[in-house]
Amino acid sequence: MSRSCNYEADLDRRSSDALESLGKERLLEVLGQLVSVPTVNPPGESYGEMAEVLQSIMEDSGYDVKVAEVPRDYLERYIPQYADHPRYIVMARIGSGDPVVHFNSHYDVVPPGDGWSRDPFRLTVEGDVVYGRGTVDMKGGAATAILAAQAAAIAGADQYGSVELSFTPDEETGGETGVKYLVDSGLVSPDYVIVPEASGSDNVWIGNKGNLWAEVEVRGRQAHGSTPWLGLNAFEGMSRLAVSLSAILSGRLSSRASSHRFADPREARPTVNLGGAVSGGAKVNVVPGRYSFTIDRRLIPEEDIASAEEELRAAVEEAAAPLRAEGYSVELRITSRSPPSVVDPRGKLATALSEAVMRSTGSAPRLTVCPGGLDTRYFQMAGVEALTYGPGDTSYAHAVDERNTISEMMRVARAYAALIPSLLSPCD
């Protein structure tokens, strides 16, 4: 065994021992603090308070901490409606050398909604189950990474590289004013990144599908409801357009499938969802002169945004032609573009993480593509080897009585504790 392998084994043992010593008590202490701060997005509540809490937690964990405020002009560019709500990025680090192993977590959560049987902003522990907004998405993952990172600090991981954590806002609204700013501004330069989103302890996401979001507006002619022949009903026009457009796009997409592995085979196909949001009309006795509906087009890794947009525009033009001949106007507006992003499942990080998960759970994880969007893509698009692996069942994300389990979080924490030494001092 080489010197580096001897070191790795020693660091691994010390890190594992420290993790078990900290145990679920420290995990629940941290998670309780995170859940108790209602970082609801939109609009971005209690972000300053969360930055202070995270700074305190990470300093107590042995890390040097910096807090950066996202510039207002950046907020006005991406989220002008919320620019009066400051955004903060918390960065914590031990060590000063290479390689840099980085964990990134978002701290914002969606609104709790109605129907909770427990306080959404107080951690409730019932046996192995924990309840609270963010326990899955993704304060549970953040607490798990913090536990493993504290164990690494106790074990002396900073002697042979650096362990770094960042905590960012606004994943729930696209990530531009969170991780995108973190990456674009050069605040961090990691070699390996793990995002502790709830992939499940038996699954690693190597990337995610892309999305192309759009809105189609149909304009007719408003009139009194008692004389509809004087108007041109935009709702009826929109409905006809939507049915035609759905048929055109479904026909074009049905033969495509990704070669990458997905948890559900149905996810391996490109999809389109019409009418997620619909607006228009004025009153029951008014012939509507305007209606609009949204389009959510999801791209498999083999597709690209430019081609998907060109295809969508052509499909809208084809579906709109009969309506325009009747006097309707139809306009397509692209509202968001995010390309698909994946990394090599045979890469160094994927191999090391798979081995760490095997040690923690007893079986090798699946390496799949996430059908939704992930903040991980900003690191991947910048050329950084980044993967998503974290505790929890995504069916509980954004749900009433959101929940996770202590055993799930500890399995993932043990995998992190095994991964860090293997990346800081790989055997040669």
Protein backbone atom coordinates (compact mmCIF):
# COMPACT_ATOMS: atom_id res chain seq x y z
CA MET A 1 0.00 0.00 0.00
CA SER A 2 1.36 3.44 -0.97
CA ARG A 3 1.84 6.32 1.42
CA SER A 4 -1.27 8.08 0.10
CA CYS A 5 -3.33 4.92 0.63
CA ASN A 6 -2.06 4.72 4.22
CA TYR A 7 -3.08 8.32 4.73
CA GLU A 8 -6.45 7.80 3.12
CA ALA A 9 -7.19 4.81 5.35
CA ASP A 10 -6.16 6.76 8.43
CA LEU A 11 -8.19 9.84 7.51
CA ASP A 12 -11.14 7.67 6.61
CA ARG A 13 -11.05 5.95 10.00
CA ARG A 14 -10.73 9.22 11.90
CA SER A 15 -13.48 10.86 9.87
CA SER A 16 -15.80 7.89 10.39
CA ASP A 17 -15.10 7.85 14.13
CA ALA A 18 -15.79 11.59 14.38
CA LEU A 19 -19.03 11.24 12.45
CA GLU A 20 -20.31 8.50 14.74
CA SER A 21 -19.26 10.50 17.80
CA LEU A 22 -21.20 13.55 16.60
CA GLY A 23 -24.06 11.27 15.59
CA LYS A 24 -27.69 12.00 15.08
CA GLU A 25 -27.69 14.42 18.02
CA ARG A 26 -25.57 16.92 16.10
CA LEU A 27 -27.51 16.22 12.91
CA LEU A 28 -30.82 17.05 14.57
CA GLU A 29 -29.37 20.08 16.34
CA VAL A 30 -28.25 21.56 13.01
CA LEU A 31 -31.38 20.56 11.14
CA GLY A 32 -33.57 22.06 13.84
CA GLN A 33 -31.80 25.40 13.52
CA LEU A 34 -32.16 25.40 9.74
CA VAL A 35 -35.84 24.44 9.68
CA SER A 36 -36.71 27.10 12.25
CA VAL A 37 -35.71 29.91 9.88
CA PRO A 38 -38.63 30.44 7.44
CA THR A 39 -36.63 31.15 4.27
CA VAL A 40 -39.71 31.20 2.06
CA ASN A 41 -39.14 31.86 -1.62
CA PRO A 42 -40.72 33.81 -3.17
CA PRO A 43 -40.10 36.51 -2.13
CA GLY A 44 -36.98 35.54 -0.15
CA GLU A 45 -37.80 35.88 3.52
CA SER A 46 -35.37 35.66 6.47
CA TYR A 47 -32.30 35.26 4.24
CA GLY A 48 -30.20 37.53 6.45
CA GLU A 49 -31.16 35.55 9.54
CA MET A 50 -30.27 32.30 7.78
CA ALA A 51 -26.86 33.66 6.78
CA GLU A 52 -26.15 34.44 10.43
CA VAL A 53 -27.33 31.00 11.57
CA LEU A 54 -25.19 29.22 8.97
CA GLN A 55 -22.15 31.32 9.81
CA SER A 56 -22.51 30.38 13.47
CA ILE A 57 -23.03 26.68 12.71
CA MET A 58 -20.01 26.47 10.42
CA GLU A 59 -17.73 28.39 12.75
CA ASP A 60 -18.76 26.00 15.53
CA SER A 61 -17.87 23.18 13.11
CA GLY A 62 -14.29 24.48 12.78
CA TYR A 63 -14.59 26.33 9.46
CA ASP A 64 -13.52 29.76 8.29
CA VAL A 65 -16.63 31.55 7.02
CA LYS A 66 -17.32 34.36 4.58
CA VAL A 67 -20.67 35.88 3.69
CA ALA A 68 -21.22 37.62 0.34
CA GLU A 69 -24.25 39.65 -0.67
CA VAL A 70 -25.46 39.23 -4.23
CA PRO A 71 -25.23 42.67 -5.90
CA ARG A 72 -28.48 44.51 -6.39
CA ASP A 73 -27.90 44.97 -10.12
CA TYR A 74 -27.68 41.19 -10.44
CA LEU A 75 -30.99 40.83 -8.62
CA GLU A 76 -32.59 43.47 -10.82
CA ARG A 77 -31.42 41.59 -13.90
CA TYR A 78 -32.94 38.24 -12.91
CA ILE A 79 -35.56 38.87 -10.23
CA PRO A 80 -36.49 42.57 -10.40
CA GLN A 81 -39.74 41.97 -8.53
CA TYR A 82 -37.77 40.76 -5.47
CA ALA A 83 -34.73 43.03 -5.69
CA ASP A 84 -35.64 44.71 -2.40
CA HIS A 85 -35.05 41.41 -0.62
CA PRO A 86 -31.27 40.95 -0.16
CA ARG A 87 -29.67 37.63 -1.12
CA TYR A 88 -26.69 36.18 0.76
CA ILE A 89 -24.19 33.43 -0.03
CA VAL A 90 -22.39 31.74 2.87
CA MET A 91 -19.03 30.07 2.17
CA ALA A 92 -17.15 27.94 4.68
CA ARG A 93 -13.75 26.31 4.25
CA ILE A 94 -10.98 24.40 5.97
CA GLY A 95 -7.59 24.00 4.30
CA SER A 96 -5.85 26.08 1.67
CA GLY A 97 -4.54 23.57 -0.82
CA ASP A 98 -5.77 21.36 -3.62
CA PRO A 99 -7.89 19.45 -4.31
CA VAL A 100 -11.01 21.30 -3.17
CA VAL A 101 -14.01 19.12 -2.30
CA HIS A 102 -17.12 21.29 -2.28
CA PHE A 103 -20.68 20.76 -1.02
CA ASN A 104 -23.34 23.20 -2.22
CA SER A 105 -26.78 23.46 -0.62
CA HIS A 106 -29.64 25.87 -1.21
CA TYR A 107 -31.34 27.22 1.88
CA ASP A 108 -34.57 28.59 0.41
CA VAL A 109 -37.85 26.67 0.67
CA VAL A 110 -41.25 26.92 -0.98
CA PRO A 111 -44.20 28.33 1.02
CA PRO A 112 -45.62 25.77 3.45
CA GLY A 113 -49.20 25.85 2.15
CA ASP A 114 -52.24 24.79 4.14
CA GLY A 115 -53.09 21.51 5.83
CA TRP A 116 -50.03 20.81 7.96
CA SER A 117 -50.59 18.66 11.04
CA ARG A 118 -47.39 20.03 12.59
CA ASP A 119 -45.65 23.40 12.66
CA PRO A 120 -43.79 23.56 9.31
CA PHE A 121 -41.05 25.74 10.80
CA ARG A 122 -40.29 23.68 13.87
CA LEU A 123 -38.48 20.37 13.52
CA THR A 124 -40.70 17.57 14.82
CA VAL A 125 -39.03 14.24 15.57
CA GLU A 126 -41.20 11.14 15.82
CA GLY A 127 -39.07 8.03 16.07
CA ASP A 128 -36.93 7.84 12.94
CA VAL A 129 -39.05 10.40 11.06
CA VAL A 130 -38.48 14.17 11.06
CA TYR A 131 -41.06 16.69 9.86
CA GLY A 132 -40.68 20.29 8.76
CA ARG A 133 -40.47 22.44 5.66
CA GLY A 134 -37.13 21.74 4.01
CA THR A 135 -36.39 18.40 5.68
CA VAL A 136 -36.21 16.94 2.18
CA ASP A 137 -35.79 20.01 -0.05
CA MET A 138 -33.12 20.59 1.05
CA LYS A 139 -32.24 21.59 4.58
CA GLY A 140 -32.01 17.88 5.40
CA GLY A 141 -29.28 17.54 2.79
CA ALA A 142 -27.53 20.67 4.05
CA ALA A 143 -27.51 19.38 7.63
CA THR A 144 -26.16 16.03 6.44
CA ALA A 145 -23.29 17.72 4.57
CA ILE A 146 -22.53 19.89 7.59
CA LEU A 147 -22.32 16.81 9.82
CA ALA A 148 -19.86 15.09 7.47
CA ALA A 149 -17.87 18.30 7.01
CA GLN A 150 -17.53 18.79 10.77
CA ALA A 151 -16.30 15.20 11.06
CA ALA A 152 -13.74 15.91 8.32
CA ALA A 153 -12.51 18.97 10.22
CA ILE A 154 -12.13 16.98 13.44
CA ALA A 155 -10.23 14.31 11.50
CA GLY A 156 -7.75 16.82 10.09
CA ALA A 157 -8.78 16.66 6.44
CA ASP A 158 -7.40 20.16 5.88
CA GLN A 159 -3.83 18.81 6.05
CA TYR A 160 -4.09 17.30 2.57
CA GLY A 161 -6.50 19.53 0.69
CA SER A 162 -9.57 21.64 1.29
CA VAL A 163 -13.17 20.97 2.22
CA GLU A 164 -15.56 23.72 1.26
CA LEU A 165 -19.29 24.32 1.72
CA SER A 166 -21.50 26.95 0.16
CA PHE A 167 -25.08 27.81 1.02
CA THR A 168 -27.02 29.68 -1.64
CA PRO A 169 -30.50 31.16 -2.11
CA ASP A 170 -33.09 30.96 -4.84
CA GLU A 171 -32.86 27.43 -6.18
CA GLU A 172 -36.63 27.37 -6.01
CA THR A 173 -36.79 30.24 -8.52
CA GLY A 174 -34.11 29.06 -10.96
CA GLY A 175 -30.80 29.55 -9.15
CA GLU A 176 -29.59 32.54 -11.19
CA THR A 177 -29.26 34.72 -8.09
CA GLY A 178 -27.74 31.89 -6.06
CA VAL A 179 -25.45 29.25 -7.54
CA LYS A 180 -25.15 30.95 -10.94
CA TYR A 181 -23.83 34.09 -9.28
CA LEU A 182 -21.52 32.00 -7.05
CA VAL A 183 -20.00 30.29 -10.10
CA ASP A 184 -19.96 33.26 -12.49
CA SER A 185 -18.34 35.58 -9.96
CA GLY A 186 -15.51 33.16 -9.19
CA LEU A 187 -16.19 33.15 -5.46
CA VAL A 188 -15.29 29.46 -5.42
CA SER A 189 -13.10 27.27 -7.65
CA PRO A 190 -13.76 23.67 -6.60
CA ASP A 191 -12.34 20.51 -8.14
CA TYR A 192 -15.27 18.30 -7.13
CA VAL A 193 -18.82 19.29 -6.17
CA ILE A 194 -21.57 17.37 -4.43
CA VAL A 195 -25.03 18.90 -4.24
CA PRO A 196 -27.00 17.21 -1.42
CA GLU A 197 -30.43 17.43 -3.07
CA ALA A 198 -32.74 14.53 -2.29
CA SER A 199 -31.70 11.98 -4.91
CA GLY A 200 -32.19 9.20 -2.35
CA SER A 201 -29.37 7.30 -0.63
CA ASP A 202 -29.42 4.61 -3.34
CA ASN A 203 -29.29 6.97 -6.32
CA VAL A 204 -26.86 9.51 -7.78
CA TRP A 205 -27.97 12.07 -10.34
CA ILE A 206 -25.27 12.60 -12.97
CA GLY A 207 -27.21 15.50 -14.47
CA ASN A 208 -30.63 16.76 -15.43
CA LYS A 209 -32.92 17.35 -18.36
CA GLY A 210 -33.12 20.81 -19.84
CA ASN A 211 -36.16 23.02 -20.05
CA LEU A 212 -37.54 25.53 -22.50
CA TRP A 213 -40.40 27.60 -21.12
CA ALA A 214 -42.66 29.75 -23.22
CA GLU A 215 -45.97 31.58 -23.28
CA VAL A 216 -48.36 31.71 -26.24
CA GLU A 217 -50.75 34.63 -26.45
CA VAL A 218 -53.87 34.51 -28.61
CA ARG A 219 -55.73 37.73 -29.36
CA GLY A 220 -59.22 37.92 -30.84
CA ARG A 221 -61.76 40.70 -30.49
CA GLN A 222 -63.60 41.58 -27.30
CA ALA A 223 -67.38 42.08 -27.43
CA HIS A 224 -70.49 41.95 -25.27
CA GLY A 225 -71.50 38.45 -24.25
CA SER A 226 -75.02 38.99 -25.59
CA THR A 227 -73.69 39.62 -29.10
CA PRO A 228 -70.85 37.12 -29.48
CA TRP A 229 -71.00 37.35 -33.27
CA LEU A 230 -69.46 40.80 -32.99
CA GLY A 231 -66.41 39.40 -31.26
CA LEU A 232 -63.68 36.84 -31.88
CA ASN A 233 -63.41 34.57 -28.87
CA ALA A 234 -59.76 34.30 -27.78
CA PHE A 235 -60.54 31.43 -25.43
CA GLU A 236 -61.96 29.31 -28.21
CA GLY A 237 -59.01 30.22 -30.42
CA MET A 238 -56.54 29.38 -27.69
CA SER A 239 -58.23 26.03 -27.05
CA ARG A 240 -58.07 25.04 -30.70
CA LEU A 241 -54.45 26.16 -30.89
CA ALA A 242 -53.48 24.18 -27.80
CA VAL A 243 -55.09 20.95 -29.07
CA SER A 244 -53.39 21.29 -32.45
CA LEU A 245 -50.03 22.22 -30.95
CA SER A 246 -50.13 19.29 -28.54
CA ALA A 247 -50.75 16.87 -31.39
CA ILE A 248 -47.95 18.32 -33.52
CA LEU A 249 -45.35 18.27 -30.74
CA SER A 250 -46.37 14.85 -29.41
CA GLY A 251 -45.97 13.41 -32.89
CA ARG A 252 -42.49 14.85 -33.25
CA LEU A 253 -41.26 13.90 -29.79
CA SER A 254 -42.73 10.41 -29.45
CA SER A 255 -39.92 8.66 -31.33
CA ARG A 256 -37.09 10.17 -29.29
CA ALA A 257 -35.49 8.61 -26.23
CA SER A 258 -32.30 9.21 -24.27
CA SER A 259 -29.52 6.65 -24.06
CA HIS A 260 -28.89 7.74 -20.47
CA ARG A 261 -30.41 5.90 -17.54
CA PHE A 262 -33.41 7.37 -15.73
CA ALA A 263 -35.16 6.10 -12.61
CA ASP A 264 -38.41 5.79 -14.58
CA PRO A 265 -38.13 4.80 -18.27
CA ARG A 266 -40.83 7.33 -19.10
CA GLU A 267 -38.48 10.10 -17.99
CA ALA A 268 -36.04 9.17 -20.78
CA ARG A 269 -38.26 10.85 -23.38
CA PRO A 270 -38.60 14.56 -24.13
CA THR A 271 -41.91 15.96 -22.91
CA VAL A 272 -44.16 18.95 -23.36
CA ASN A 273 -46.72 20.24 -20.88
CA LEU A 274 -49.23 22.86 -22.04
CA GLY A 275 -51.35 25.12 -19.83
CA GLY A 276 -49.44 25.03 -16.57
CA ALA A 277 -50.61 28.62 -16.27
CA VAL A 278 -53.47 30.19 -18.22
CA SER A 279 -54.59 33.81 -18.15
CA GLY A 280 -57.17 35.97 -19.88
CA GLY A 281 -60.82 36.87 -19.96
CA ALA A 282 -62.58 39.66 -18.14
CA LYS A 283 -66.10 38.70 -17.03
CA VAL A 284 -68.81 36.14 -17.60
CA ASN A 285 -70.69 38.40 -20.01
CA VAL A 286 -67.66 39.46 -22.07
CA VAL A 287 -66.36 37.73 -25.19
CA PRO A 288 -62.68 37.40 -24.26
CA GLY A 289 -60.31 39.27 -26.52
CA ARG A 290 -57.10 37.80 -25.08
CA TYR A 291 -55.94 34.51 -23.62
CA SER A 292 -52.52 32.96 -23.04
CA PHE A 293 -51.10 29.64 -21.91
CA THR A 294 -47.65 28.38 -20.95
CA ILE A 295 -45.49 25.66 -22.48
CA ASP A 296 -43.04 23.56 -20.48
CA ARG A 297 -40.78 21.64 -22.86
CA ARG A 298 -38.27 19.25 -21.24
CA LEU A 299 -35.15 18.25 -23.18
CA ILE A 300 -33.25 14.97 -22.95
CA PRO A 301 -29.42 15.24 -22.83
CA GLU A 302 -29.16 14.47 -26.54
CA GLU A 303 -31.16 17.61 -27.45
CA ASP A 304 -30.02 21.22 -27.52
CA ILE A 305 -31.89 24.39 -26.68
CA ALA A 306 -31.49 26.12 -30.04
CA SER A 307 -32.95 23.20 -31.99
CA ALA A 308 -35.78 22.73 -29.49
CA GLU A 309 -36.68 26.41 -29.73
CA GLU A 310 -36.64 26.32 -33.53
CA GLU A 311 -38.85 23.24 -33.48
CA LEU A 312 -41.29 24.87 -31.04
CA ARG A 313 -41.56 28.02 -33.12
CA ALA A 314 -42.25 25.98 -36.25
CA ALA A 315 -44.94 23.97 -34.45
CA VAL A 316 -46.67 27.12 -33.18
CA GLU A 317 -46.60 28.62 -36.67
CA GLU A 318 -48.18 25.47 -38.12
CA ALA A 319 -50.90 25.33 -35.44
CA ALA A 320 -51.58 29.08 -35.68
CA ALA A 321 -52.02 29.28 -39.45
CA PRO A 322 -55.80 28.47 -39.51
CA LEU A 323 -56.47 30.90 -36.65
CA ARG A 324 -54.63 33.75 -38.31
CA ALA A 325 -56.68 33.16 -41.43
CA GLU A 326 -59.78 33.87 -39.28
CA GLY A 327 -58.39 37.11 -37.87
CA TYR A 328 -56.69 35.94 -34.67
CA SER A 329 -53.17 37.03 -33.76
CA VAL A 330 -50.80 34.53 -32.15
CA GLU A 331 -47.51 35.38 -30.45
CA LEU A 332 -44.90 33.06 -28.90
CA ARG A 333 -42.62 34.39 -26.16
CA ILE A 334 -39.72 32.36 -24.74
CA THR A 335 -39.53 32.98 -20.99
CA SER A 336 -36.71 30.67 -19.88
CA ARG A 337 -33.97 28.52 -21.39
CA SER A 338 -31.90 25.97 -19.50
CA PRO A 339 -29.90 23.34 -21.39
CA PRO A 340 -29.63 19.71 -20.29
CA SER A 341 -26.42 18.88 -18.47
CA VAL A 342 -24.71 15.59 -17.59
CA VAL A 343 -21.25 14.40 -16.57
CA ASP A 344 -19.47 11.16 -17.40
CA PRO A 345 -20.81 8.39 -15.12
CA ARG A 346 -17.37 6.76 -15.41
CA GLY A 347 -15.56 9.87 -14.16
CA LYS A 348 -13.39 10.14 -11.09
CA LEU A 349 -16.04 11.70 -8.87
CA ALA A 350 -18.77 9.28 -9.94
CA THR A 351 -16.47 6.32 -9.30
CA ALA A 352 -15.39 7.59 -5.88
CA LEU A 353 -18.94 8.44 -4.85
CA SER A 354 -20.25 5.05 -5.98
CA GLU A 355 -17.63 3.32 -3.86
CA ALA A 356 -18.45 5.53 -0.86
CA VAL A 357 -22.18 4.80 -1.20
CA MET A 358 -21.44 1.08 -1.47
CA ARG A 359 -19.59 1.25 1.83
CA SER A 360 -22.39 3.20 3.51
CA THR A 361 -25.44 1.38 2.20
CA GLY A 362 -24.10 -2.04 1.20
CA SER A 363 -25.03 -1.69 -2.47
CA ALA A 364 -23.91 0.34 -5.45
CA PRO A 365 -26.10 3.33 -6.29
CA ARG A 366 -27.93 3.84 -9.56
CA LEU A 367 -26.44 6.58 -11.71
CA THR A 368 -29.38 8.34 -13.34
CA VAL A 369 -30.47 11.60 -14.90
CA CYS A 370 -32.89 13.81 -12.97
CA PRO A 371 -36.04 14.76 -14.94
CA GLY A 372 -36.21 18.14 -13.21
CA GLY A 373 -33.73 21.00 -12.97
CA LEU A 374 -30.84 21.07 -10.50
CA ASP A 375 -28.47 23.78 -9.33
CA THR A 376 -25.70 21.26 -10.07
CA ARG A 377 -25.92 22.24 -13.74
CA TYR A 378 -24.22 25.59 -13.13
CA PHE A 379 -21.09 23.82 -11.91
CA GLN A 380 -21.27 21.27 -14.72
CA MET A 381 -21.68 23.94 -17.40
CA ALA A 382 -18.58 25.67 -15.96
CA GLY A 383 -16.59 22.48 -16.53
CA VAL A 384 -16.53 21.31 -12.91
CA GLU A 385 -17.08 17.64 -12.10
CA ALA A 386 -20.32 17.84 -10.11
CA LEU A 387 -22.92 15.30 -9.01
CA THR A 388 -26.14 15.35 -7.00
CA TYR A 389 -26.46 12.99 -4.07
CA GLY A 390 -28.53 13.60 -0.97
CA PRO A 391 -31.01 12.12 1.50
CA GLY A 392 -34.74 11.87 1.09
CA ASP A 393 -37.71 10.87 -1.01
CA THR A 394 -38.59 13.60 -3.51
CA SER A 395 -42.29 12.73 -3.32
CA TYR A 396 -42.30 14.61 0.01
CA ALA A 397 -40.63 17.73 -1.42
CA HIS A 398 -42.94 20.76 -1.48
CA ALA A 399 -45.65 18.63 0.14
CA VAL A 400 -47.71 19.15 3.27
CA ASP A 401 -46.04 17.49 6.28
CA GLU A 402 -42.71 17.28 4.42
CA ARG A 403 -40.58 14.60 6.02
CA ASN A 404 -37.28 12.71 5.98
CA THR A 405 -35.74 10.00 8.14
CA ILE A 406 -32.77 10.12 10.45
CA SER A 407 -31.51 6.77 9.18
CA GLU A 408 -31.57 8.02 5.56
CA MET A 409 -29.63 11.14 6.46
CA MET A 410 -27.05 9.17 8.44
CA ARG A 411 -26.53 6.74 5.53
CA VAL A 412 -25.74 9.68 3.27
CA ALA A 413 -23.54 11.34 5.90
CA ARG A 414 -21.48 8.15 6.15
CA ALA A 415 -21.08 8.12 2.38
CA TYR A 416 -19.86 11.74 2.47
CA ALA A 417 -17.47 10.89 5.29
CA ALA A 418 -15.99 8.09 3.16
CA LEU A 419 -15.93 10.20 -0.02
CA ILE A 420 -13.93 13.15 1.34
CA PRO A 421 -10.76 11.16 2.23
CA SER A 422 -10.86 9.31 -1.10
CA LEU A 423 -10.88 12.59 -3.04
CA LEU A 424 -8.34 14.41 -0.88
CA SER A 425 -5.82 11.59 -1.02
CA PRO A 426 -6.55 9.12 -3.82
CA CYS A 427 -4.46 5.97 -3.76
CA ASP A 428 -1.67 5.88 -6.36
